[in-house]
Every structure is written in structure tokens, then in C-alpha cells.
Amino acid sequence: MVLQIIGFPRSNFVRTARMVAHEKGVPYEHIPALPHSDEVKAINPLGLIPVMRHDDLEVAETYAIAHYIDTAFDGPALAPTDPKGAASVNRWIMAVNTSVDQMFMRRYVVEYAFHKDQDGNVVRDVIDQTVKRLPKMFAFLEAAVGKGYLGGDSFTMADCFLMPILAAVRSFPEGKENMENCPNLQAYFAKLSERPSFTETGS
């Protein structure tokens, strides 16, 4: 069975899993499915996306999926195998998965996209609280990509986790404004947005 990546296309985590497959050169089928749909819950009872199916293996959680794709298939390694190198990449993956995702996606992008009143106006309570904290997080990432990639001077799996989030956060006014104040991050995004793994997973 061909590798299947299952989940809503606009999810940053679904896009991450797809980017990893592209970077490895692994053929896969993307099956669009909403969180908590029956197809998703058949693999992850919590209903979270993405989920993955390959032959008789079913996997949930983005990092587990990405690690499986990176280690089970031929192609360029997206994470070092030596403990020190792996620790560095995993550090950045975890930072993006927790702190960055929570602030940029859950408390900003998702609020803009889905939290609206009966008249269709964006409810800004959480957004306005989050906006005050955006500069500190952008400054953190600005320093982190100073060598050209997230946490270093070469492309790794960590970049697959960050790029979909940056693509989303810069689509809204305060995110765009903060991005414009970060030359390293702008150069980083411009360079990586040309990679086929990013351009071919935009929908």
C-alpha cells in the first residue's frame, strides 16, 4: 500500500508531514479529512490530524509520522543520527510544536479564521492578548534562523515544522508586520518557500 497522509490540507501539521514525504522523495497519497472525522478517529481516537497509514502500520502524531518517513525510506536524511545532532534538531522541533504553534496558530491564526461573532466579525479577545507577545517570539525565531536554517546552517526536519506556521502567521496583519521587522526570517522564508516540498503542498 502506498503511504497515506490523512488530514485537512490547511493544517500546518498535515503540511509538515507532506513536506517531509516530498523532501524524502516518497510517493504518497494525501487524503483530505477533517479533525474528529471517522476516518481520522479510526487511527487516532483523539481525532487529531494528521494520521498516517502505510501497509499494515497506522500512526498518529506529526513527529512520529515524520520520523517514520525519514527513517523507513531511502532519501536524504532530515535529522542527524548522532545523539548530539539529533538532540539539536529535536529541540527545535519541540519548540515549534509547542511554544511557536501554540502562540502563532492556536492563539492567533485559528482565532482570526474561526472565532467570529454572529455577524461574522472576528472576536479579538485572545488575538489582542497574543499580539502583545508576538514580538518576543519573532525575535526568538529571528535569532534561530541566523545561520540560514532553523537552528543551524543546513535544512532539517525542523524546517518542515516551522515553514507552514510562518506561511499562516504572515497572512494576518500583526503577523505580517512583525515578519517585516525580521530580516533573517524574511530571507529564510523567501529561500525555503522556493523548495518543491513547500510549493507543492500549499493546498
N, C-alpha and C. Protein backbone atom coordinates (compact mmCIF):
# COMPACT_ATOMS: atom_id res chain seq x y z
N MET A 1 0.84 -1.19 0.00
CA MET A 1 0.00 0.00 0.00
C MET A 1 0.88 1.24 0.00
N VAL A 2 0.53 2.22 -0.83
CA VAL A 2 1.26 3.47 -0.86
C VAL A 2 1.04 4.20 0.47
N LEU A 3 2.02 4.97 0.87
CA LEU A 3 1.91 5.78 2.08
C LEU A 3 0.72 6.73 1.96
N GLN A 4 -0.12 6.78 2.98
CA GLN A 4 -1.25 7.69 3.01
C GLN A 4 -1.07 8.67 4.16
N ILE A 5 -1.21 9.96 3.85
CA ILE A 5 -1.21 11.02 4.86
C ILE A 5 -2.62 11.60 4.88
N ILE A 6 -3.26 11.51 6.02
CA ILE A 6 -4.68 11.82 6.13
C ILE A 6 -4.87 13.06 7.01
N GLY A 7 -5.59 14.05 6.46
CA GLY A 7 -5.87 15.24 7.27
C GLY A 7 -6.23 16.44 6.41
N PHE A 8 -6.78 17.45 7.05
CA PHE A 8 -7.24 18.67 6.41
C PHE A 8 -6.06 19.40 5.77
N PRO A 9 -6.14 19.77 4.49
CA PRO A 9 -4.98 20.34 3.80
C PRO A 9 -4.43 21.61 4.43
N ARG A 10 -5.28 22.43 5.06
CA ARG A 10 -4.81 23.71 5.60
C ARG A 10 -4.15 23.58 6.97
N SER A 11 -4.17 22.40 7.53
CA SER A 11 -3.49 22.18 8.81
C SER A 11 -1.98 22.31 8.63
N ASN A 12 -1.34 23.09 9.50
CA ASN A 12 0.12 23.20 9.41
C ASN A 12 0.80 21.87 9.66
N PHE A 13 0.23 21.03 10.54
CA PHE A 13 0.85 19.75 10.82
C PHE A 13 0.70 18.76 9.66
N VAL A 14 -0.43 18.81 8.99
CA VAL A 14 -0.60 17.97 7.79
C VAL A 14 0.41 18.38 6.73
N ARG A 15 0.57 19.70 6.56
CA ARG A 15 1.53 20.17 5.57
C ARG A 15 2.95 19.76 5.95
N THR A 16 3.27 19.77 7.22
CA THR A 16 4.59 19.32 7.66
C THR A 16 4.84 17.88 7.24
N ALA A 17 3.89 17.00 7.52
CA ALA A 17 4.06 15.59 7.15
C ALA A 17 4.24 15.43 5.65
N ARG A 18 3.46 16.19 4.89
CA ARG A 18 3.59 16.13 3.43
C ARG A 18 4.94 16.66 2.97
N MET A 19 5.42 17.74 3.59
CA MET A 19 6.74 18.27 3.23
C MET A 19 7.83 17.25 3.48
N VAL A 20 7.75 16.54 4.59
CA VAL A 20 8.76 15.53 4.89
C VAL A 20 8.77 14.45 3.80
N ALA A 21 7.58 14.00 3.40
CA ALA A 21 7.49 13.00 2.34
C ALA A 21 8.09 13.53 1.04
N HIS A 22 7.80 14.78 0.70
CA HIS A 22 8.37 15.38 -0.51
C HIS A 22 9.89 15.45 -0.42
N GLU A 23 10.40 15.90 0.71
CA GLU A 23 11.85 16.03 0.85
C GLU A 23 12.55 14.69 0.73
N LYS A 24 11.90 13.62 1.18
CA LYS A 24 12.47 12.28 1.07
C LYS A 24 12.28 11.66 -0.31
N GLY A 25 11.40 12.27 -1.12
CA GLY A 25 11.09 11.69 -2.42
C GLY A 25 10.20 10.47 -2.31
N VAL A 26 9.35 10.42 -1.29
CA VAL A 26 8.49 9.26 -1.05
C VAL A 26 7.13 9.50 -1.69
N PRO A 27 6.69 8.64 -2.61
CA PRO A 27 5.34 8.78 -3.15
C PRO A 27 4.30 8.59 -2.04
N TYR A 28 3.27 9.40 -2.06
CA TYR A 28 2.25 9.27 -1.03
C TYR A 28 0.92 9.75 -1.58
N GLU A 29 -0.14 9.34 -0.92
CA GLU A 29 -1.48 9.81 -1.24
C GLU A 29 -1.96 10.69 -0.11
N HIS A 30 -2.37 11.90 -0.44
CA HIS A 30 -2.94 12.77 0.58
C HIS A 30 -4.46 12.62 0.55
N ILE A 31 -5.02 12.22 1.67
CA ILE A 31 -6.46 12.04 1.79
C ILE A 31 -7.02 13.14 2.69
N PRO A 32 -7.71 14.13 2.12
CA PRO A 32 -8.27 15.20 2.95
C PRO A 32 -9.32 14.65 3.92
N ALA A 33 -9.20 15.04 5.16
CA ALA A 33 -10.16 14.61 6.19
C ALA A 33 -10.11 15.60 7.34
N LEU A 34 -11.27 15.95 7.85
CA LEU A 34 -11.35 16.91 8.95
C LEU A 34 -10.95 16.26 10.27
N PRO A 35 -10.47 17.07 11.22
CA PRO A 35 -10.25 16.53 12.57
C PRO A 35 -11.54 15.93 13.11
N HIS A 36 -11.41 14.86 13.85
CA HIS A 36 -12.54 14.19 14.52
C HIS A 36 -13.48 13.48 13.54
N SER A 37 -13.09 13.40 12.27
CA SER A 37 -13.88 12.61 11.34
C SER A 37 -13.68 11.13 11.65
N ASP A 38 -14.59 10.31 11.16
CA ASP A 38 -14.50 8.88 11.44
C ASP A 38 -13.20 8.30 10.91
N GLU A 39 -12.76 8.78 9.74
CA GLU A 39 -11.54 8.24 9.14
C GLU A 39 -10.32 8.55 10.00
N VAL A 40 -10.31 9.75 10.58
CA VAL A 40 -9.19 10.12 11.45
C VAL A 40 -9.26 9.37 12.77
N LYS A 41 -10.45 9.32 13.37
CA LYS A 41 -10.59 8.67 14.68
C LYS A 41 -10.36 7.16 14.61
N ALA A 42 -10.46 6.59 13.42
CA ALA A 42 -10.15 5.17 13.28
C ALA A 42 -8.68 4.89 13.58
N ILE A 43 -7.84 5.91 13.42
CA ILE A 43 -6.41 5.76 13.70
C ILE A 43 -6.03 6.47 14.99
N ASN A 44 -6.57 7.66 15.20
CA ASN A 44 -6.29 8.43 16.41
C ASN A 44 -7.61 8.72 17.12
N PRO A 45 -7.94 8.01 18.18
CA PRO A 45 -9.21 8.22 18.89
C PRO A 45 -9.42 9.65 19.37
N LEU A 46 -8.31 10.42 19.52
CA LEU A 46 -8.44 11.82 19.92
C LEU A 46 -8.90 12.71 18.78
N GLY A 47 -8.88 12.18 17.56
CA GLY A 47 -9.38 12.92 16.41
C GLY A 47 -8.44 13.95 15.84
N LEU A 48 -7.18 13.96 16.28
CA LEU A 48 -6.23 14.97 15.83
C LEU A 48 -5.55 14.56 14.53
N ILE A 49 -5.22 15.54 13.72
CA ILE A 49 -4.56 15.30 12.43
C ILE A 49 -3.14 15.85 12.45
N PRO A 50 -2.29 15.24 11.57
CA PRO A 50 -2.55 14.18 10.62
C PRO A 50 -2.49 12.80 11.25
N VAL A 51 -2.95 11.83 10.48
CA VAL A 51 -2.68 10.43 10.76
C VAL A 51 -2.11 9.82 9.49
N MET A 52 -1.49 8.66 9.64
CA MET A 52 -0.79 8.04 8.52
C MET A 52 -1.10 6.56 8.46
N ARG A 53 -1.16 6.04 7.25
CA ARG A 53 -1.32 4.60 7.05
C ARG A 53 -0.31 4.16 6.01
N HIS A 54 0.40 3.07 6.30
CA HIS A 54 1.35 2.51 5.35
C HIS A 54 1.38 0.99 5.54
N ASP A 55 0.93 0.27 4.53
CA ASP A 55 0.76 -1.18 4.64
C ASP A 55 -0.11 -1.48 5.87
N ASP A 56 0.41 -2.23 6.83
CA ASP A 56 -0.40 -2.56 7.99
C ASP A 56 -0.10 -1.66 9.19
N LEU A 57 0.65 -0.59 8.96
CA LEU A 57 1.02 0.33 10.04
C LEU A 57 0.13 1.56 10.02
N GLU A 58 -0.39 1.93 11.18
CA GLU A 58 -1.16 3.16 11.34
C GLU A 58 -0.50 3.98 12.43
N VAL A 59 -0.28 5.29 12.14
CA VAL A 59 0.46 6.14 13.06
C VAL A 59 -0.27 7.47 13.22
N ALA A 60 -0.30 7.97 14.46
CA ALA A 60 -0.79 9.31 14.75
C ALA A 60 0.37 10.15 15.29
N GLU A 61 0.15 11.46 15.38
CA GLU A 61 1.11 12.45 15.88
C GLU A 61 2.15 12.78 14.80
N THR A 62 2.27 14.07 14.53
CA THR A 62 3.08 14.54 13.41
C THR A 62 4.53 14.12 13.52
N TYR A 63 5.12 14.28 14.70
CA TYR A 63 6.53 13.93 14.82
C TYR A 63 6.76 12.44 14.58
N ALA A 64 5.87 11.60 15.09
CA ALA A 64 6.01 10.16 14.87
C ALA A 64 5.91 9.83 13.38
N ILE A 65 4.99 10.50 12.69
CA ILE A 65 4.84 10.29 11.25
C ILE A 65 6.08 10.74 10.51
N ALA A 66 6.56 11.93 10.84
CA ALA A 66 7.74 12.48 10.17
C ALA A 66 8.96 11.60 10.41
N HIS A 67 9.13 11.14 11.65
CA HIS A 67 10.28 10.30 11.97
C HIS A 67 10.21 8.97 11.23
N TYR A 68 9.01 8.40 11.13
CA TYR A 68 8.86 7.15 10.39
C TYR A 68 9.24 7.34 8.93
N ILE A 69 8.72 8.40 8.30
CA ILE A 69 9.02 8.63 6.89
C ILE A 69 10.52 8.83 6.70
N ASP A 70 11.14 9.55 7.61
CA ASP A 70 12.57 9.85 7.48
C ASP A 70 13.44 8.61 7.63
N THR A 71 13.02 7.69 8.45
CA THR A 71 13.87 6.53 8.75
C THR A 71 13.48 5.27 7.98
N ALA A 72 12.26 5.20 7.48
CA ALA A 72 11.80 3.97 6.82
C ALA A 72 12.08 3.96 5.33
N PHE A 73 12.41 5.11 4.76
CA PHE A 73 12.57 5.20 3.32
C PHE A 73 13.96 5.73 2.97
N ASP A 74 14.41 5.38 1.76
CA ASP A 74 15.65 5.94 1.24
C ASP A 74 15.45 7.43 0.97
N GLY A 75 16.56 8.11 0.79
CA GLY A 75 16.50 9.54 0.52
C GLY A 75 17.32 10.31 1.53
N PRO A 76 17.49 11.60 1.31
CA PRO A 76 18.32 12.40 2.22
C PRO A 76 17.76 12.41 3.63
N ALA A 77 18.64 12.18 4.60
CA ALA A 77 18.21 12.20 6.00
C ALA A 77 17.81 13.61 6.40
N LEU A 78 16.68 13.72 7.08
CA LEU A 78 16.19 15.03 7.51
C LEU A 78 16.50 15.31 8.97
N ALA A 79 17.13 14.36 9.65
CA ALA A 79 17.57 14.55 11.03
C ALA A 79 18.85 13.75 11.22
N PRO A 80 19.81 14.29 11.95
CA PRO A 80 21.05 13.56 12.19
C PRO A 80 20.79 12.28 12.98
N THR A 81 21.68 11.33 12.81
CA THR A 81 21.57 10.09 13.57
C THR A 81 22.44 10.10 14.81
N ASP A 82 23.46 10.97 14.85
CA ASP A 82 24.28 11.05 16.06
C ASP A 82 23.50 11.75 17.16
N PRO A 83 23.69 11.35 18.41
CA PRO A 83 22.87 11.88 19.50
C PRO A 83 22.90 13.39 19.65
N LYS A 84 24.07 14.01 19.51
CA LYS A 84 24.16 15.45 19.69
C LYS A 84 23.42 16.19 18.58
N GLY A 85 23.64 15.76 17.36
CA GLY A 85 22.96 16.40 16.24
C GLY A 85 21.46 16.21 16.31
N ALA A 86 21.04 14.99 16.66
CA ALA A 86 19.61 14.70 16.78
C ALA A 86 18.98 15.52 17.89
N ALA A 87 19.69 15.70 18.99
CA ALA A 87 19.15 16.47 20.11
C ALA A 87 18.90 17.91 19.70
N SER A 88 19.80 18.48 18.91
CA SER A 88 19.63 19.86 18.46
C SER A 88 18.40 20.01 17.57
N VAL A 89 18.26 19.11 16.60
CA VAL A 89 17.10 19.17 15.71
C VAL A 89 15.81 18.93 16.48
N ASN A 90 15.81 17.95 17.37
CA ASN A 90 14.61 17.66 18.16
C ASN A 90 14.24 18.83 19.06
N ARG A 91 15.24 19.52 19.56
CA ARG A 91 14.98 20.70 20.39
C ARG A 91 14.14 21.72 19.62
N TRP A 92 14.52 21.97 18.37
CA TRP A 92 13.81 22.97 17.58
C TRP A 92 12.43 22.46 17.15
N ILE A 93 12.34 21.18 16.84
CA ILE A 93 11.02 20.62 16.51
C ILE A 93 10.06 20.78 17.68
N MET A 94 10.53 20.45 18.87
CA MET A 94 9.66 20.54 20.03
C MET A 94 9.29 21.98 20.35
N ALA A 95 10.23 22.91 20.18
CA ALA A 95 9.93 24.32 20.41
C ALA A 95 8.85 24.82 19.46
N VAL A 96 8.95 24.41 18.20
CA VAL A 96 7.95 24.81 17.21
C VAL A 96 6.61 24.15 17.52
N ASN A 97 6.64 22.86 17.85
CA ASN A 97 5.40 22.12 18.10
C ASN A 97 4.63 22.62 19.31
N THR A 98 5.34 23.18 20.26
CA THR A 98 4.69 23.63 21.49
C THR A 98 4.55 25.14 21.52
N SER A 99 5.61 25.84 21.83
CA SER A 99 5.53 27.29 22.05
C SER A 99 5.13 28.06 20.81
N VAL A 100 5.79 27.79 19.68
CA VAL A 100 5.51 28.56 18.47
C VAL A 100 4.12 28.25 17.95
N ASP A 101 3.78 26.98 17.85
CA ASP A 101 2.46 26.60 17.35
C ASP A 101 1.35 27.14 18.25
N GLN A 102 1.54 27.05 19.54
CA GLN A 102 0.51 27.50 20.47
C GLN A 102 0.23 28.99 20.31
N MET A 103 1.29 29.79 20.19
CA MET A 103 1.09 31.22 20.07
C MET A 103 0.64 31.63 18.68
N PHE A 104 1.38 31.20 17.67
CA PHE A 104 1.10 31.66 16.31
C PHE A 104 -0.18 31.06 15.74
N MET A 105 -0.38 29.76 15.94
CA MET A 105 -1.52 29.08 15.31
C MET A 105 -2.75 29.09 16.21
N ARG A 106 -2.64 28.51 17.40
CA ARG A 106 -3.84 28.30 18.22
C ARG A 106 -4.41 29.62 18.76
N ARG A 107 -3.51 30.56 19.15
CA ARG A 107 -3.98 31.79 19.79
C ARG A 107 -3.99 32.99 18.85
N TYR A 108 -3.68 32.76 17.58
CA TYR A 108 -3.65 33.89 16.64
C TYR A 108 -4.34 33.51 15.33
N VAL A 109 -3.73 32.64 14.54
CA VAL A 109 -4.29 32.30 13.22
C VAL A 109 -5.67 31.66 13.35
N VAL A 110 -5.79 30.67 14.21
CA VAL A 110 -7.08 29.98 14.37
C VAL A 110 -8.15 30.94 14.89
N GLU A 111 -7.77 31.83 15.80
CA GLU A 111 -8.72 32.82 16.31
C GLU A 111 -9.21 33.74 15.20
N TYR A 112 -8.31 34.19 14.36
CA TYR A 112 -8.70 35.02 13.21
C TYR A 112 -9.63 34.25 12.27
N ALA A 113 -9.30 33.01 12.02
CA ALA A 113 -10.01 32.25 10.99
C ALA A 113 -11.37 31.73 11.45
N PHE A 114 -11.48 31.39 12.73
CA PHE A 114 -12.67 30.65 13.14
C PHE A 114 -13.46 31.27 14.29
N HIS A 115 -12.91 32.20 15.05
CA HIS A 115 -13.62 32.74 16.20
C HIS A 115 -14.30 34.06 15.81
N LYS A 116 -15.56 33.94 15.41
CA LYS A 116 -16.29 35.11 14.93
C LYS A 116 -17.66 35.19 15.62
N ASP A 117 -18.18 36.41 15.70
CA ASP A 117 -19.49 36.58 16.33
C ASP A 117 -20.60 36.29 15.32
N GLN A 118 -21.84 36.50 15.72
CA GLN A 118 -22.98 36.17 14.87
C GLN A 118 -23.03 37.00 13.59
N ASP A 119 -22.37 38.14 13.60
CA ASP A 119 -22.34 39.00 12.41
C ASP A 119 -21.13 38.74 11.52
N GLY A 120 -20.32 37.76 11.90
CA GLY A 120 -19.16 37.42 11.09
C GLY A 120 -17.92 38.22 11.41
N ASN A 121 -17.96 39.01 12.48
CA ASN A 121 -16.80 39.80 12.87
C ASN A 121 -15.85 38.97 13.74
N VAL A 122 -14.57 39.16 13.54
CA VAL A 122 -13.58 38.43 14.32
C VAL A 122 -13.67 38.85 15.78
N VAL A 123 -13.72 37.88 16.67
CA VAL A 123 -13.68 38.14 18.12
C VAL A 123 -12.21 38.25 18.52
N ARG A 124 -11.81 39.43 18.99
CA ARG A 124 -10.39 39.73 19.12
C ARG A 124 -9.83 39.56 20.54
N ASP A 125 -10.60 39.05 21.47
CA ASP A 125 -10.12 38.99 22.85
C ASP A 125 -8.77 38.27 22.95
N VAL A 126 -8.71 37.06 22.46
CA VAL A 126 -7.47 36.27 22.53
C VAL A 126 -6.42 36.85 21.60
N ILE A 127 -6.83 37.30 20.44
CA ILE A 127 -5.88 37.88 19.48
C ILE A 127 -5.16 39.07 20.09
N ASP A 128 -5.90 39.97 20.71
CA ASP A 128 -5.30 41.18 21.27
C ASP A 128 -4.32 40.85 22.40
N GLN A 129 -4.61 39.81 23.15
CA GLN A 129 -3.65 39.38 24.18
C GLN A 129 -2.39 38.81 23.54
N THR A 130 -2.58 38.03 22.48
CA THR A 130 -1.46 37.37 21.82
C THR A 130 -0.57 38.35 21.09
N VAL A 131 -1.16 39.36 20.46
CA VAL A 131 -0.41 40.33 19.68
C VAL A 131 0.69 40.98 20.52
N LYS A 132 0.43 41.20 21.80
CA LYS A 132 1.43 41.82 22.67
C LYS A 132 2.67 40.94 22.82
N ARG A 133 2.51 39.65 22.63
CA ARG A 133 3.61 38.70 22.84
C ARG A 133 4.30 38.30 21.54
N LEU A 134 3.73 38.70 20.41
CA LEU A 134 4.31 38.30 19.13
C LEU A 134 5.76 38.78 18.94
N PRO A 135 6.09 40.03 19.26
CA PRO A 135 7.47 40.48 19.00
C PRO A 135 8.53 39.61 19.67
N LYS A 136 8.28 39.16 20.88
CA LYS A 136 9.26 38.33 21.58
C LYS A 136 9.47 37.00 20.86
N MET A 137 8.39 36.38 20.39
CA MET A 137 8.52 35.11 19.68
C MET A 137 9.19 35.30 18.33
N PHE A 138 8.84 36.38 17.64
CA PHE A 138 9.50 36.65 16.37
C PHE A 138 11.00 36.90 16.57
N ALA A 139 11.36 37.60 17.64
CA ALA A 139 12.78 37.84 17.92
C ALA A 139 13.51 36.52 18.19
N PHE A 140 12.84 35.62 18.88
CA PHE A 140 13.40 34.29 19.15
C PHE A 140 13.68 33.55 17.84
N LEU A 141 12.74 33.58 16.93
CA LEU A 141 12.92 32.89 15.65
C LEU A 141 13.91 33.62 14.75
N GLU A 142 13.93 34.94 14.83
CA GLU A 142 14.88 35.72 14.04
C GLU A 142 16.31 35.31 14.36
N ALA A 143 16.59 35.12 15.62
CA ALA A 143 17.93 34.66 16.03
C ALA A 143 18.15 33.21 15.63
N ALA A 144 17.10 32.39 15.72
CA ALA A 144 17.24 30.95 15.48
C ALA A 144 17.58 30.63 14.03
N VAL A 145 17.18 31.49 13.09
CA VAL A 145 17.45 31.21 11.67
C VAL A 145 18.63 32.05 11.16
N GLY A 146 19.40 32.59 12.07
CA GLY A 146 20.50 33.46 11.68
C GLY A 146 21.54 32.81 10.80
N LYS A 147 21.71 31.48 10.90
CA LYS A 147 22.69 30.78 10.07
C LYS A 147 22.09 30.27 8.76
N GLY A 148 20.82 30.61 8.52
CA GLY A 148 20.21 30.23 7.24
C GLY A 148 19.07 29.25 7.35
N TYR A 149 19.09 28.42 8.39
CA TYR A 149 18.03 27.44 8.61
C TYR A 149 17.70 27.44 10.09
N LEU A 150 16.65 26.75 10.47
CA LEU A 150 16.23 26.77 11.86
C LEU A 150 17.24 26.05 12.74
N GLY A 151 17.95 26.79 13.54
CA GLY A 151 18.90 26.22 14.48
C GLY A 151 20.22 25.79 13.89
N GLY A 152 20.50 26.12 12.62
CA GLY A 152 21.76 25.70 12.04
C GLY A 152 21.95 26.18 10.61
N ASP A 153 22.91 25.56 9.92
CA ASP A 153 23.27 26.01 8.57
C ASP A 153 22.87 25.01 7.49
N SER A 154 22.00 24.06 7.82
CA SER A 154 21.53 23.10 6.82
C SER A 154 20.05 22.79 7.05
N PHE A 155 19.37 22.40 5.99
CA PHE A 155 17.95 22.08 6.06
C PHE A 155 17.74 20.79 6.84
N THR A 156 16.77 20.81 7.76
CA THR A 156 16.44 19.61 8.53
C THR A 156 14.92 19.49 8.65
N MET A 157 14.49 18.44 9.31
CA MET A 157 13.08 18.24 9.56
C MET A 157 12.46 19.41 10.32
N ALA A 158 13.24 20.06 11.16
CA ALA A 158 12.72 21.19 11.93
C ALA A 158 12.16 22.28 11.02
N ASP A 159 12.78 22.48 9.87
CA ASP A 159 12.29 23.49 8.94
C ASP A 159 10.92 23.12 8.37
N CYS A 160 10.67 21.83 8.25
CA CYS A 160 9.36 21.37 7.76
C CYS A 160 8.26 21.69 8.76
N PHE A 161 8.61 21.78 10.02
CA PHE A 161 7.63 22.12 11.05
C PHE A 161 7.38 23.63 11.10
N LEU A 162 8.42 24.42 10.88
CA LEU A 162 8.27 25.88 11.02
C LEU A 162 7.64 26.54 9.80
N MET A 163 7.99 26.11 8.60
CA MET A 163 7.55 26.83 7.41
C MET A 163 6.03 26.95 7.26
N PRO A 164 5.25 25.89 7.48
CA PRO A 164 3.79 26.06 7.37
C PRO A 164 3.22 27.07 8.37
N ILE A 165 3.82 27.15 9.54
CA ILE A 165 3.35 28.11 10.54
C ILE A 165 3.66 29.53 10.09
N LEU A 166 4.87 29.76 9.58
CA LEU A 166 5.22 31.09 9.09
C LEU A 166 4.32 31.51 7.94
N ALA A 167 4.01 30.57 7.06
CA ALA A 167 3.13 30.87 5.94
C ALA A 167 1.77 31.34 6.42
N ALA A 168 1.29 30.76 7.50
CA ALA A 168 -0.02 31.12 8.03
C ALA A 168 0.02 32.44 8.79
N VAL A 169 1.00 32.61 9.66
CA VAL A 169 1.00 33.78 10.54
C VAL A 169 1.23 35.07 9.77
N ARG A 170 1.99 35.01 8.68
CA ARG A 170 2.25 36.22 7.91
C ARG A 170 1.07 36.63 7.03
N SER A 171 0.01 35.84 7.04
CA SER A 171 -1.18 36.16 6.27
C SER A 171 -2.11 37.12 6.99
N PHE A 172 -1.80 37.42 8.25
CA PHE A 172 -2.64 38.31 9.04
C PHE A 172 -1.84 39.54 9.46
N PRO A 173 -2.50 40.67 9.69
CA PRO A 173 -1.80 41.96 9.74
C PRO A 173 -0.67 42.06 10.76
N GLU A 174 -0.92 41.66 12.00
CA GLU A 174 0.12 41.80 13.01
C GLU A 174 1.27 40.83 12.76
N GLY A 175 0.95 39.65 12.26
CA GLY A 175 1.99 38.70 11.91
C GLY A 175 2.84 39.22 10.77
N LYS A 176 2.21 39.79 9.76
CA LYS A 176 2.94 40.36 8.63
C LYS A 176 3.84 41.50 9.08
N GLU A 177 3.33 42.35 9.95
CA GLU A 177 4.12 43.49 10.44
C GLU A 177 5.34 43.02 11.21
N ASN A 178 5.17 42.04 12.08
CA ASN A 178 6.31 41.51 12.82
C ASN A 178 7.32 40.84 11.91
N MET A 179 6.84 40.13 10.92
CA MET A 179 7.73 39.47 9.97
C MET A 179 8.58 40.49 9.22
N GLU A 180 7.99 41.61 8.89
CA GLU A 180 8.71 42.65 8.15
C GLU A 180 9.82 43.27 8.97
N ASN A 181 9.79 43.11 10.29
CA ASN A 181 10.84 43.63 11.16
C ASN A 181 11.94 42.61 11.42
N CYS A 182 11.89 41.47 10.73
CA CYS A 182 12.85 40.38 10.96
C CYS A 182 13.54 40.01 9.65
N PRO A 183 14.65 40.66 9.31
CA PRO A 183 15.31 40.39 8.02
C PRO A 183 15.79 38.95 7.86
N ASN A 184 16.30 38.35 8.93
CA ASN A 184 16.74 36.95 8.83
C ASN A 184 15.57 36.04 8.50
N LEU A 185 14.46 36.27 9.18
CA LEU A 185 13.28 35.43 9.00
C LEU A 185 12.68 35.63 7.61
N GLN A 186 12.71 36.86 7.12
CA GLN A 186 12.22 37.12 5.77
C GLN A 186 13.07 36.38 4.74
N ALA A 187 14.39 36.47 4.89
CA ALA A 187 15.28 35.78 3.94
C ALA A 187 15.10 34.27 4.03
N TYR A 188 14.95 33.79 5.23
CA TYR A 188 14.72 32.35 5.46
C TYR A 188 13.45 31.90 4.76
N PHE A 189 12.37 32.62 4.97
CA PHE A 189 11.10 32.23 4.37
C PHE A 189 11.16 32.31 2.85
N ALA A 190 11.77 33.37 2.32
CA ALA A 190 11.87 33.52 0.86
C ALA A 190 12.65 32.37 0.24
N LYS A 191 13.73 31.97 0.89
CA LYS A 191 14.57 30.88 0.37
C LYS A 191 13.84 29.54 0.42
N LEU A 192 13.25 29.23 1.56
CA LEU A 192 12.62 27.92 1.71
C LEU A 192 11.29 27.82 0.99
N SER A 193 10.65 28.94 0.73
CA SER A 193 9.37 28.91 0.03
C SER A 193 9.54 28.52 -1.44
N GLU A 194 10.77 28.46 -1.91
CA GLU A 194 11.04 28.02 -3.28
C GLU A 194 11.25 26.51 -3.38
N ARG A 195 11.36 25.84 -2.25
CA ARG A 195 11.58 24.40 -2.29
C ARG A 195 10.31 23.70 -2.77
N PRO A 196 10.43 22.69 -3.63
CA PRO A 196 9.25 21.97 -4.10
C PRO A 196 8.39 21.40 -2.97
N SER A 197 9.02 21.00 -1.87
CA SER A 197 8.24 20.43 -0.77
C SER A 197 7.27 21.46 -0.20
N PHE A 198 7.59 22.74 -0.32
CA PHE A 198 6.70 23.79 0.16
C PHE A 198 5.70 24.20 -0.92
N THR A 199 6.20 24.41 -2.14
CA THR A 199 5.30 24.90 -3.19
C THR A 199 4.23 23.87 -3.57
N GLU A 200 4.57 22.60 -3.45
CA GLU A 200 3.65 21.55 -3.89
C GLU A 200 2.71 21.05 -2.79
N THR A 201 2.79 21.66 -1.60
CA THR A 201 1.92 21.24 -0.51
C THR A 201 1.05 22.39 -0.02
N GLY A 202 0.90 23.40 -0.85
CA GLY A 202 0.17 24.59 -0.43
C GLY A 202 -1.33 24.42 -0.39
N SER A 203 -1.83 23.30 -0.82
CA SER A 203 -3.28 23.09 -0.76
C SER A 203 -3.58 21.60 -0.60
